[in-house]
């Protein structure tokens, strides 16, 4: 995936989940304030056990497997 495709996909996800205005606000906040991605990711899943995180990841993969294969051209 190219950088442009990643940006486009990311904006679509943000807009779908936050709406256009809040997606733009999110982008502005991440550019304006110091942002430690590693720390953010650790905090995001801190309440989950490794087993629960694995279960959720597997469920997501099962749910989205078909669309992932289509995107890969298979």
PDB file of N, CA and C in Angstrom:
ATOM      1  N   UNK A   1       0.858  -1.170   0.000  1.00  0.00           N
ATOM      2  CA  UNK A   1       0.000   0.000   0.000  1.00  0.00           C
ATOM      3  C   UNK A   1       0.903   1.232   0.000  1.00  0.00           C
ATOM      4  N   UNK A   2       0.581   2.189  -0.836  1.00  0.00           N
ATOM      5  CA  UNK A   2       1.379   3.413  -0.910  1.00  0.00           C
ATOM      6  C   UNK A   2       1.016   4.356   0.240  1.00  0.00           C
ATOM      7  N   UNK A   3       1.847   5.370   0.450  1.00  0.00           N
ATOM      8  CA  UNK A   3       1.554   6.365   1.488  1.00  0.00           C
ATOM      9  C   UNK A   3       0.226   7.066   1.209  1.00  0.00           C
ATOM     10  N   UNK A   4      -0.030   7.372  -0.043  1.00  0.00           N
ATOM     11  CA  UNK A   4      -1.286   8.031  -0.413  1.00  0.00           C
ATOM     12  C   UNK A   4      -2.481   7.146  -0.093  1.00  0.00           C
ATOM     13  N   UNK A   5      -2.371   5.863  -0.396  1.00  0.00           N
ATOM     14  CA  UNK A   5      -3.466   4.927  -0.102  1.00  0.00           C
ATOM     15  C   UNK A   5      -3.700   4.809   1.400  1.00  0.00           C
ATOM     16  N   UNK A   6      -2.626   4.792   2.174  1.00  0.00           N
ATOM     17  CA  UNK A   6      -2.760   4.715   3.631  1.00  0.00           C
ATOM     18  C   UNK A   6      -3.455   5.963   4.161  1.00  0.00           C
ATOM     19  N   UNK A   7      -3.039   7.134   3.679  1.00  0.00           N
ATOM     20  CA  UNK A   7      -3.687   8.381   4.113  1.00  0.00           C
ATOM     21  C   UNK A   7      -5.171   8.384   3.747  1.00  0.00           C
ATOM     22  N   UNK A   8      -5.465   7.999   2.519  1.00  0.00           N
ATOM     23  CA  UNK A   8      -6.862   7.990   2.053  1.00  0.00           C
ATOM     24  C   UNK A   8      -7.700   7.021   2.886  1.00  0.00           C
ATOM     25  N   UNK A   9      -7.180   5.817   3.106  1.00  0.00           N
ATOM     26  CA  UNK A   9      -7.899   4.819   3.900  1.00  0.00           C
ATOM     27  C   UNK A   9      -8.077   5.289   5.332  1.00  0.00           C
ATOM     28  N   UNK A  10      -7.028   5.856   5.909  1.00  0.00           N
ATOM     29  CA  UNK A  10      -7.103   6.368   7.277  1.00  0.00           C
ATOM     30  C   UNK A  10      -8.155   7.447   7.429  1.00  0.00           C
ATOM     31  N   UNK A  11      -8.217   8.357   6.460  1.00  0.00           N
ATOM     32  CA  UNK A  11      -9.232   9.416   6.528  1.00  0.00           C
ATOM     33  C   UNK A  11     -10.637   8.839   6.396  1.00  0.00           C
ATOM     34  N   UNK A  12     -10.801   7.847   5.540  1.00  0.00           N
ATOM     35  CA  UNK A  12     -12.123   7.211   5.406  1.00  0.00           C
ATOM     36  C   UNK A  12     -12.550   6.568   6.719  1.00  0.00           C
ATOM     37  N   UNK A  13     -11.619   5.881   7.382  1.00  0.00           N
ATOM     38  CA  UNK A  13     -11.932   5.239   8.665  1.00  0.00           C
ATOM     39  C   UNK A  13     -12.280   6.284   9.713  1.00  0.00           C
ATOM     40  N   UNK A  14     -11.475   7.334   9.779  1.00  0.00           N
ATOM     41  CA  UNK A  14     -11.752   8.401  10.748  1.00  0.00           C
ATOM     42  C   UNK A  14     -13.107   9.051  10.481  1.00  0.00           C
ATOM     43  N   UNK A  15     -13.385   9.362   9.221  1.00  0.00           N
ATOM     44  CA  UNK A  15     -14.656  10.002   8.888  1.00  0.00           C
ATOM     45  C   UNK A  15     -15.840   9.094   9.179  1.00  0.00           C
ATOM     46  N   UNK A  16     -15.685   7.809   8.890  1.00  0.00           N
ATOM     47  CA  UNK A  16     -16.774   6.866   9.140  1.00  0.00           C
ATOM     48  C   UNK A  16     -17.088   6.764  10.628  1.00  0.00           C
ATOM     49  N   UNK A  17     -16.041   6.770  11.458  1.00  0.00           N
ATOM     50  CA  UNK A  17     -16.224   6.575  12.891  1.00  0.00           C
ATOM     51  C   UNK A  17     -16.413   7.858  13.683  1.00  0.00           C
ATOM     52  N   UNK A  18     -15.867   8.970  13.200  1.00  0.00           N
ATOM     53  CA  UNK A  18     -15.953  10.229  13.944  1.00  0.00           C
ATOM     54  C   UNK A  18     -16.807  11.286  13.256  1.00  0.00           C
ATOM     55  N   UNK A  19     -17.017  11.148  11.976  1.00  0.00           N
ATOM     56  CA  UNK A  19     -17.651  12.212  11.199  1.00  0.00           C
ATOM     57  C   UNK A  19     -16.558  13.147  10.682  1.00  0.00           C
ATOM     58  N   UNK A  20     -16.891  13.916   9.659  1.00  0.00           N
ATOM     59  CA  UNK A  20     -15.896  14.760   8.996  1.00  0.00           C
ATOM     60  C   UNK A  20     -15.249  15.775   9.936  1.00  0.00           C
ATOM     61  N   UNK A  21     -16.046  16.490  10.693  1.00  0.00           N
ATOM     62  CA  UNK A  21     -15.517  17.559  11.559  1.00  0.00           C
ATOM     63  C   UNK A  21     -14.610  16.983  12.645  1.00  0.00           C
ATOM     64  N   UNK A  22     -15.058  15.924  13.316  1.00  0.00           N
ATOM     65  CA  UNK A  22     -14.252  15.337  14.387  1.00  0.00           C
ATOM     66  C   UNK A  22     -12.996  14.640  13.830  1.00  0.00           C
ATOM     67  N   UNK A  23     -13.085  14.105  12.622  1.00  0.00           N
ATOM     68  CA  UNK A  23     -11.892  13.509  11.997  1.00  0.00           C
ATOM     69  C   UNK A  23     -10.838  14.582  11.755  1.00  0.00           C
ATOM     70  N   UNK A  24     -11.261  15.718  11.233  1.00  0.00           N
ATOM     71  CA  UNK A  24     -10.332  16.835  11.017  1.00  0.00           C
ATOM     72  C   UNK A  24      -9.770  17.330  12.352  1.00  0.00           C
ATOM     73  N   UNK A  25     -10.605  17.365  13.354  1.00  0.00           N
ATOM     74  CA  UNK A  25     -10.152  17.772  14.692  1.00  0.00           C
ATOM     75  C   UNK A  25      -9.089  16.815  15.221  1.00  0.00           C
ATOM     76  N   UNK A  26      -9.312  15.508  15.034  1.00  0.00           N
ATOM     77  CA  UNK A  26      -8.332  14.505  15.463  1.00  0.00           C
ATOM     78  C   UNK A  26      -6.985  14.736  14.776  1.00  0.00           C
ATOM     79  N   UNK A  27      -7.023  14.946  13.473  1.00  0.00           N
ATOM     80  CA  UNK A  27      -5.778  15.202  12.730  1.00  0.00           C
ATOM     81  C   UNK A  27      -5.082  16.442  13.277  1.00  0.00           C
ATOM     82  N   UNK A  28      -5.833  17.501  13.505  1.00  0.00           N
ATOM     83  CA  UNK A  28      -5.262  18.738  14.044  1.00  0.00           C
ATOM     84  C   UNK A  28      -4.627  18.509  15.405  1.00  0.00           C
ATOM     85  N   UNK A  29      -5.308  17.780  16.269  1.00  0.00           N
ATOM     86  CA  UNK A  29      -4.775  17.501  17.604  1.00  0.00           C
ATOM     87  C   UNK A  29      -3.480  16.704  17.552  1.00  0.00           C
ATOM     88  N   UNK A  30      -3.420  15.694  16.679  1.00  0.00           N
ATOM     89  CA  UNK A  30      -2.208  14.868  16.615  1.00  0.00           C
ATOM     90  C   UNK A  30      -1.037  15.643  16.028  1.00  0.00           C
ATOM     91  N   UNK A  31      -1.314  16.613  15.174  1.00  0.00           N
ATOM     92  CA  UNK A  31      -0.231  17.417  14.607  1.00  0.00           C
ATOM     93  C   UNK A  31       0.228  18.509  15.561  1.00  0.00           C
ATOM     94  N   UNK A  32      -0.689  19.025  16.366  1.00  0.00           N
ATOM     95  CA  UNK A  32      -0.388  20.163  17.242  1.00  0.00           C
ATOM     96  C   UNK A  32       0.282  19.744  18.545  1.00  0.00           C
ATOM     97  N   UNK A  33      -0.141  18.626  19.114  1.00  0.00           N
ATOM     98  CA  UNK A  33       0.352  18.209  20.418  1.00  0.00           C
ATOM     99  C   UNK A  33       1.372  17.078  20.275  1.00  0.00           C
ATOM    100  N   UNK A  34       2.350  17.033  21.188  1.00  0.00           N
ATOM    101  CA  UNK A  34       3.277  15.905  21.164  1.00  0.00           C
ATOM    102  C   UNK A  34       2.494  14.591  21.292  1.00  0.00           C
ATOM    103  N   UNK A  35       2.882  13.614  20.517  1.00  0.00           N
ATOM    104  CA  UNK A  35       2.112  12.373  20.468  1.00  0.00           C
ATOM    105  C   UNK A  35       3.081  11.193  20.448  1.00  0.00           C
ATOM    106  N   UNK A  36       3.038  10.377  21.476  1.00  0.00           N
ATOM    107  CA  UNK A  36       3.883   9.184  21.558  1.00  0.00           C
ATOM    108  C   UNK A  36       3.029   7.973  21.189  1.00  0.00           C
ATOM    109  N   UNK A  37       3.158   7.524  19.948  1.00  0.00           N
ATOM    110  CA  UNK A  37       2.327   6.437  19.437  1.00  0.00           C
ATOM    111  C   UNK A  37       2.495   5.163  20.262  1.00  0.00           C
ATOM    112  N   UNK A  38       3.722   4.845  20.639  1.00  0.00           N
ATOM    113  CA  UNK A  38       3.972   3.621  21.408  1.00  0.00           C
ATOM    114  C   UNK A  38       3.249   3.671  22.749  1.00  0.00           C
ATOM    115  N   UNK A  39       3.353   4.778  23.440  1.00  0.00           N
ATOM    116  CA  UNK A  39       2.672   4.921  24.730  1.00  0.00           C
ATOM    117  C   UNK A  39       1.154   4.854  24.542  1.00  0.00           C
ATOM    118  N   UNK A  40       0.666   5.501  23.501  1.00  0.00           N
ATOM    119  CA  UNK A  40      -0.772   5.488  23.222  1.00  0.00           C
ATOM    120  C   UNK A  40      -1.272   4.065  22.988  1.00  0.00           C
ATOM    121  N   UNK A  41      -0.531   3.273  22.216  1.00  0.00           N
ATOM    122  CA  UNK A  41      -0.932   1.892  21.939  1.00  0.00           C
ATOM    123  C   UNK A  41      -0.920   1.049  23.220  1.00  0.00           C
ATOM    124  N   UNK A  42       0.077   1.271  24.065  1.00  0.00           N
ATOM    125  CA  UNK A  42       0.133   0.518  25.320  1.00  0.00           C
ATOM    126  C   UNK A  42      -1.062   0.853  26.200  1.00  0.00           C
ATOM    127  N   UNK A  43      -1.406   2.128  26.274  1.00  0.00           N
ATOM    128  CA  UNK A  43      -2.562   2.557  27.077  1.00  0.00           C
ATOM    129  C   UNK A  43      -3.876   2.042  26.490  1.00  0.00           C
ATOM    130  N   UNK A  44      -3.931   1.939  25.167  1.00  0.00           N
ATOM    131  CA  UNK A  44      -5.154   1.527  24.493  1.00  0.00           C
ATOM    132  C   UNK A  44      -5.598   0.128  24.920  1.00  0.00           C
ATOM    133  N   UNK A  45      -4.635  -0.767  25.125  1.00  0.00           N
ATOM    134  CA  UNK A  45      -4.964  -2.155  25.448  1.00  0.00           C
ATOM    135  C   UNK A  45      -4.581  -2.566  26.864  1.00  0.00           C
ATOM    136  N   UNK A  46      -4.303  -1.606  27.737  1.00  0.00           N
ATOM    137  CA  UNK A  46      -3.796  -1.939  29.062  1.00  0.00           C
ATOM    138  C   UNK A  46      -4.766  -2.753  29.910  1.00  0.00           C
ATOM    139  N   UNK A  47      -6.068  -2.630  29.656  1.00  0.00           N
ATOM    140  CA  UNK A  47      -7.052  -3.370  30.449  1.00  0.00           C
ATOM    141  C   UNK A  47      -7.339  -4.767  29.908  1.00  0.00           C
ATOM    142  N   UNK A  48      -6.712  -5.123  28.786  1.00  0.00           N
ATOM    143  CA  UNK A  48      -6.964  -6.422  28.180  1.00  0.00           C
ATOM    144  C   UNK A  48      -5.845  -7.408  28.525  1.00  0.00           C
ATOM    145  N   UNK A  49      -6.236  -8.623  28.797  1.00  0.00           N
ATOM    146  CA  UNK A  49      -5.229  -9.666  28.973  1.00  0.00           C
ATOM    147  C   UNK A  49      -4.710 -10.032  27.579  1.00  0.00           C
ATOM    148  N   UNK A  50      -3.535 -10.627  27.492  1.00  0.00           N
ATOM    149  CA  UNK A  50      -3.049 -11.074  26.182  1.00  0.00           C
ATOM    150  C   UNK A  50      -4.043 -12.031  25.499  1.00  0.00           C
ATOM    151  N   UNK A  51      -4.694 -12.854  26.285  1.00  0.00           N
ATOM    152  CA  UNK A  51      -5.661 -13.811  25.728  1.00  0.00           C
ATOM    153  C   UNK A  51      -6.864 -13.092  25.121  1.00  0.00           C
ATOM    154  N   UNK A  52      -7.354 -12.061  25.812  1.00  0.00           N
ATOM    155  CA  UNK A  52      -8.502 -11.302  25.302  1.00  0.00           C
ATOM    156  C   UNK A  52      -8.123 -10.518  24.055  1.00  0.00           C
ATOM    157  N   UNK A  53      -6.931  -9.934  24.055  1.00  0.00           N
ATOM    158  CA  UNK A  53      -6.456  -9.211  22.881  1.00  0.00           C
ATOM    159  C   UNK A  53      -6.345 -10.164  21.693  1.00  0.00           C
ATOM    160  N   UNK A  54      -5.811 -11.352  21.922  1.00  0.00           N
ATOM    161  CA  UNK A  54      -5.692 -12.360  20.866  1.00  0.00           C
ATOM    162  C   UNK A  54      -7.074 -12.770  20.356  1.00  0.00           C
ATOM    163  N   UNK A  55      -8.014 -12.966  21.275  1.00  0.00           N
ATOM    164  CA  UNK A  55      -9.364 -13.373  20.885  1.00  0.00           C
ATOM    165  C   UNK A  55     -10.007 -12.302  20.000  1.00  0.00           C
ATOM    166  N   UNK A  56      -9.847 -11.046  20.382  1.00  0.00           N
ATOM    167  CA  UNK A  56     -10.423  -9.959  19.594  1.00  0.00           C
ATOM    168  C   UNK A  56      -9.760  -9.834  18.228  1.00  0.00           C
ATOM    169  N   UNK A  57      -8.438  -9.998  18.202  1.00  0.00           N
ATOM    170  CA  UNK A  57      -7.719  -9.917  16.926  1.00  0.00           C
ATOM    171  C   UNK A  57      -8.160 -11.038  15.986  1.00  0.00           C
ATOM    172  N   UNK A  58      -8.313 -12.231  16.520  1.00  0.00           N
ATOM    173  CA  UNK A  58      -8.751 -13.359  15.704  1.00  0.00           C
ATOM    174  C   UNK A  58     -10.183 -13.159  15.215  1.00  0.00           C
ATOM    175  N   UNK A  59     -11.041 -12.622  16.050  1.00  0.00           N
ATOM    176  CA  UNK A  59     -12.426 -12.361  15.655  1.00  0.00           C
ATOM    177  C   UNK A  59     -12.463 -11.319  14.540  1.00  0.00           C
ATOM    178  N   UNK A  60     -11.655 -10.275  14.669  1.00  0.00           N
ATOM    179  CA  UNK A  60     -11.603  -9.243  13.630  1.00  0.00           C
ATOM    180  C   UNK A  60     -11.114  -9.840  12.323  1.00  0.00           C
ATOM    181  N   UNK A  61     -10.058 -10.648  12.386  1.00  0.00           N
ATOM    182  CA  UNK A  61      -9.509 -11.259  11.174  1.00  0.00           C
ATOM    183  C   UNK A  61     -10.546 -12.161  10.506  1.00  0.00           C
ATOM    184  N   UNK A  62     -11.250 -12.944  11.285  1.00  0.00           N
ATOM    185  CA  UNK A  62     -12.281 -13.823  10.737  1.00  0.00           C
ATOM    186  C   UNK A  62     -13.374 -13.003  10.052  1.00  0.00           C
ATOM    187  N   UNK A  63     -13.778 -11.928  10.697  1.00  0.00           N
ATOM    188  CA  UNK A  63     -14.840 -11.074  10.161  1.00  0.00           C
ATOM    189  C   UNK A  63     -14.424 -10.370   8.870  1.00  0.00           C
ATOM    190  N   UNK A  64     -13.148 -10.001   8.748  1.00  0.00           N
ATOM    191  CA  UNK A  64     -12.682  -9.201   7.613  1.00  0.00           C
ATOM    192  C   UNK A  64     -11.830  -9.983   6.611  1.00  0.00           C
ATOM    193  N   UNK A  65     -11.716 -11.275   6.752  1.00  0.00           N
ATOM    194  CA  UNK A  65     -10.840 -12.075   5.902  1.00  0.00           C
ATOM    195  C   UNK A  65     -11.171 -11.897   4.418  1.00  0.00           C
ATOM    196  N   UNK A  66     -12.444 -11.974   4.079  1.00  0.00           N
ATOM    197  CA  UNK A  66     -12.852 -11.863   2.679  1.00  0.00           C
ATOM    198  C   UNK A  66     -12.432 -10.554   2.045  1.00  0.00           C
ATOM    199  N   UNK A  67     -12.672  -9.456   2.720  1.00  0.00           N
ATOM    200  CA  UNK A  67     -12.307  -8.156   2.150  1.00  0.00           C
ATOM    201  C   UNK A  67     -10.794  -7.981   2.071  1.00  0.00           C
ATOM    202  N   UNK A  68     -10.045  -8.589   2.997  1.00  0.00           N
ATOM    203  CA  UNK A  68      -8.580  -8.514   2.929  1.00  0.00           C
ATOM    204  C   UNK A  68      -8.074  -9.244   1.688  1.00  0.00           C
ATOM    205  N   UNK A  69      -8.682 -10.386   1.360  1.00  0.00           N
ATOM    206  CA  UNK A  69      -8.263 -11.165   0.199  1.00  0.00           C
ATOM    207  C   UNK A  69      -8.604 -10.402  -1.096  1.00  0.00           C
ATOM    208  N   UNK A  70      -9.755  -9.748  -1.105  1.00  0.00           N
ATOM    209  CA  UNK A  70     -10.143  -8.965  -2.290  1.00  0.00           C
ATOM    210  C   UNK A  70      -9.150  -7.838  -2.519  1.00  0.00           C
ATOM    211  N   UNK A  71      -8.772  -7.138  -1.449  1.00  0.00           N
ATOM    212  CA  UNK A  71      -7.811  -6.041  -1.575  1.00  0.00           C
ATOM    213  C   UNK A  71      -6.453  -6.524  -2.069  1.00  0.00           C
ATOM    214  N   UNK A  72      -6.103  -7.752  -1.720  1.00  0.00           N
ATOM    215  CA  UNK A  72      -4.818  -8.322  -2.151  1.00  0.00           C
ATOM    216  C   UNK A  72      -4.915  -8.942  -3.542  1.00  0.00           C
ATOM    217  N   UNK A  73      -6.109  -8.928  -4.118  1.00  0.00           N
ATOM    218  CA  UNK A  73      -6.294  -9.472  -5.453  1.00  0.00           C
ATOM    219  C   UNK A  73      -6.352 -10.979  -5.512  1.00  0.00           C
ATOM    220  N   UNK A  74      -6.821 -11.602  -4.449  1.00  0.00           N
ATOM    221  CA  UNK A  74      -6.905 -13.075  -4.422  1.00  0.00           C
ATOM    222  C   UNK A  74      -8.332 -13.523  -4.428  1.00  0.00           C
TER     223      UNK A  74
END
